[in-house]
């Protein structure tokens, strides 16, 4: 794997980590049950994507 590819993966990991934490925070703060549930699903999706990028290393 090239240095440029490693930098891309590192950047993608950072983005997914931010999206995961934002989704988690939003899901706990939302009062609407439907929106909260959707944000929880997004958190799970971003966790999966984070793990996929991590497995590339």
N, C-alpha and C. Protein backbone atom coordinates (compact mmCIF):
# COMPACT_ATOMS: atom_id res chain seq x y z
N UNK A 1 0.84 -1.16 0.00
CA UNK A 1 0.00 0.00 0.00
C UNK A 1 0.90 1.25 0.00
N UNK A 2 0.55 2.20 -0.83
CA UNK A 2 1.37 3.40 -0.94
C UNK A 2 1.09 4.36 0.22
N UNK A 3 1.98 5.31 0.37
CA UNK A 3 1.83 6.32 1.42
C UNK A 3 0.55 7.13 1.21
N UNK A 4 0.25 7.44 -0.06
CA UNK A 4 -0.96 8.21 -0.38
C UNK A 4 -2.22 7.42 0.01
N UNK A 5 -2.23 6.13 -0.25
CA UNK A 5 -3.37 5.29 0.12
C UNK A 5 -3.53 5.22 1.63
N UNK A 6 -2.41 5.12 2.35
CA UNK A 6 -2.47 5.10 3.81
C UNK A 6 -3.03 6.41 4.37
N UNK A 7 -2.62 7.52 3.76
CA UNK A 7 -3.15 8.82 4.19
C UNK A 7 -4.65 8.91 3.94
N UNK A 8 -5.11 8.36 2.81
CA UNK A 8 -6.53 8.36 2.50
C UNK A 8 -7.30 7.55 3.55
N UNK A 9 -6.79 6.39 3.88
CA UNK A 9 -7.46 5.54 4.87
C UNK A 9 -7.48 6.22 6.23
N UNK A 10 -6.38 6.85 6.60
CA UNK A 10 -6.33 7.57 7.88
C UNK A 10 -7.36 8.70 7.90
N UNK A 11 -7.48 9.41 6.80
CA UNK A 11 -8.46 10.49 6.70
C UNK A 11 -9.88 9.94 6.78
N UNK A 12 -10.13 8.84 6.08
CA UNK A 12 -11.46 8.23 6.10
C UNK A 12 -11.82 7.73 7.50
N UNK A 13 -10.84 7.17 8.21
CA UNK A 13 -11.08 6.72 9.58
C UNK A 13 -11.48 7.89 10.48
N UNK A 14 -10.80 9.01 10.30
CA UNK A 14 -11.13 10.20 11.08
C UNK A 14 -12.54 10.69 10.79
N UNK A 15 -12.91 10.71 9.52
CA UNK A 15 -14.26 11.15 9.15
C UNK A 15 -15.33 10.21 9.72
N UNK A 16 -15.10 8.93 9.60
CA UNK A 16 -16.09 7.97 10.11
C UNK A 16 -16.19 8.06 11.63
N UNK A 17 -15.08 8.30 12.30
CA UNK A 17 -15.11 8.43 13.75
C UNK A 17 -15.92 9.65 14.17
N UNK A 18 -15.75 10.75 13.45
CA UNK A 18 -16.53 11.97 13.73
C UNK A 18 -18.02 11.72 13.48
N UNK A 19 -18.34 11.09 12.35
CA UNK A 19 -19.74 10.83 12.03
C UNK A 19 -20.37 9.88 13.05
N UNK A 20 -19.60 8.91 13.50
CA UNK A 20 -20.09 7.96 14.50
C UNK A 20 -20.41 8.69 15.80
N UNK A 21 -19.51 9.54 16.25
CA UNK A 21 -19.74 10.23 17.53
C UNK A 21 -20.85 11.27 17.41
N UNK A 22 -20.95 11.95 16.27
CA UNK A 22 -22.05 12.92 16.07
C UNK A 22 -23.40 12.22 16.04
N UNK A 23 -23.46 11.07 15.39
CA UNK A 23 -24.71 10.31 15.32
C UNK A 23 -25.13 9.84 16.71
N UNK A 24 -24.16 9.38 17.48
CA UNK A 24 -24.45 8.91 18.83
C UNK A 24 -24.97 10.05 19.71
N UNK A 25 -24.30 11.18 19.63
CA UNK A 25 -24.71 12.35 20.42
C UNK A 25 -26.12 12.79 20.02
N UNK A 26 -26.37 12.87 18.73
CA UNK A 26 -27.69 13.29 18.25
C UNK A 26 -28.78 12.32 18.68
N UNK A 27 -28.49 11.03 18.62
CA UNK A 27 -29.52 10.04 18.98
C UNK A 27 -29.92 10.14 20.45
N UNK A 28 -28.98 10.54 21.29
CA UNK A 28 -29.31 10.66 22.72
C UNK A 28 -30.01 11.98 23.03
N UNK A 29 -29.82 12.99 22.19
CA UNK A 29 -30.39 14.30 22.46
C UNK A 29 -31.76 14.51 21.81
N UNK A 30 -32.05 13.76 20.77
CA UNK A 30 -33.33 13.94 20.07
C UNK A 30 -34.49 13.40 20.90
N UNK A 31 -35.57 14.13 20.89
CA UNK A 31 -36.75 13.71 21.62
C UNK A 31 -37.71 12.90 20.75
N UNK A 32 -37.64 13.10 19.45
CA UNK A 32 -38.47 12.35 18.52
C UNK A 32 -37.92 10.92 18.41
N UNK A 33 -38.73 9.95 18.74
CA UNK A 33 -38.28 8.55 18.77
C UNK A 33 -37.85 8.05 17.39
N UNK A 34 -38.56 8.48 16.35
CA UNK A 34 -38.22 8.03 15.00
C UNK A 34 -36.86 8.57 14.57
N UNK A 35 -36.64 9.85 14.81
CA UNK A 35 -35.35 10.44 14.46
C UNK A 35 -34.22 9.86 15.30
N UNK A 36 -34.49 9.63 16.55
CA UNK A 36 -33.48 9.05 17.43
C UNK A 36 -33.10 7.65 16.95
N UNK A 37 -34.09 6.88 16.56
CA UNK A 37 -33.84 5.54 16.04
C UNK A 37 -33.03 5.60 14.75
N UNK A 38 -33.36 6.55 13.89
CA UNK A 38 -32.62 6.71 12.63
C UNK A 38 -31.16 7.07 12.91
N UNK A 39 -30.92 7.94 13.85
CA UNK A 39 -29.55 8.33 14.19
C UNK A 39 -28.78 7.15 14.78
N UNK A 40 -29.46 6.30 15.53
CA UNK A 40 -28.82 5.10 16.06
C UNK A 40 -28.41 4.17 14.92
N UNK A 41 -29.27 4.06 13.89
CA UNK A 41 -28.94 3.26 12.72
C UNK A 41 -27.73 3.85 11.99
N UNK A 42 -27.68 5.17 11.88
CA UNK A 42 -26.54 5.82 11.25
C UNK A 42 -25.25 5.58 12.03
N UNK A 43 -25.36 5.59 13.34
CA UNK A 43 -24.19 5.31 14.18
C UNK A 43 -23.66 3.91 13.89
N UNK A 44 -24.57 2.95 13.79
CA UNK A 44 -24.16 1.57 13.50
C UNK A 44 -23.50 1.48 12.12
N UNK A 45 -24.07 2.19 11.14
CA UNK A 45 -23.52 2.17 9.78
C UNK A 45 -22.11 2.76 9.75
N UNK A 46 -21.92 3.88 10.45
CA UNK A 46 -20.60 4.50 10.48
C UNK A 46 -19.60 3.65 11.27
N UNK A 47 -20.07 2.92 12.25
CA UNK A 47 -19.19 2.00 12.98
C UNK A 47 -18.73 0.89 12.05
N UNK A 48 -19.66 0.37 11.24
CA UNK A 48 -19.31 -0.67 10.27
C UNK A 48 -18.29 -0.15 9.25
N UNK A 49 -18.52 1.06 8.75
CA UNK A 49 -17.59 1.64 7.77
C UNK A 49 -16.22 1.88 8.40
N UNK A 50 -16.19 2.35 9.65
CA UNK A 50 -14.95 2.57 10.36
C UNK A 50 -14.18 1.25 10.45
N UNK A 51 -14.87 0.19 10.82
CA UNK A 51 -14.22 -1.12 10.96
C UNK A 51 -13.71 -1.65 9.61
N UNK A 52 -14.46 -1.39 8.53
CA UNK A 52 -14.01 -1.83 7.22
C UNK A 52 -12.72 -1.11 6.81
N UNK A 53 -12.68 0.19 7.03
CA UNK A 53 -11.45 0.94 6.74
C UNK A 53 -10.30 0.45 7.61
N UNK A 54 -10.59 0.20 8.88
CA UNK A 54 -9.55 -0.27 9.78
C UNK A 54 -8.99 -1.62 9.36
N UNK A 55 -9.85 -2.47 8.82
CA UNK A 55 -9.41 -3.78 8.36
C UNK A 55 -8.52 -3.72 7.13
N UNK A 56 -8.54 -2.59 6.41
CA UNK A 56 -7.66 -2.44 5.26
C UNK A 56 -6.20 -2.34 5.69
N UNK A 57 -6.00 -1.91 6.93
CA UNK A 57 -4.63 -1.78 7.41
C UNK A 57 -4.15 -3.12 7.86
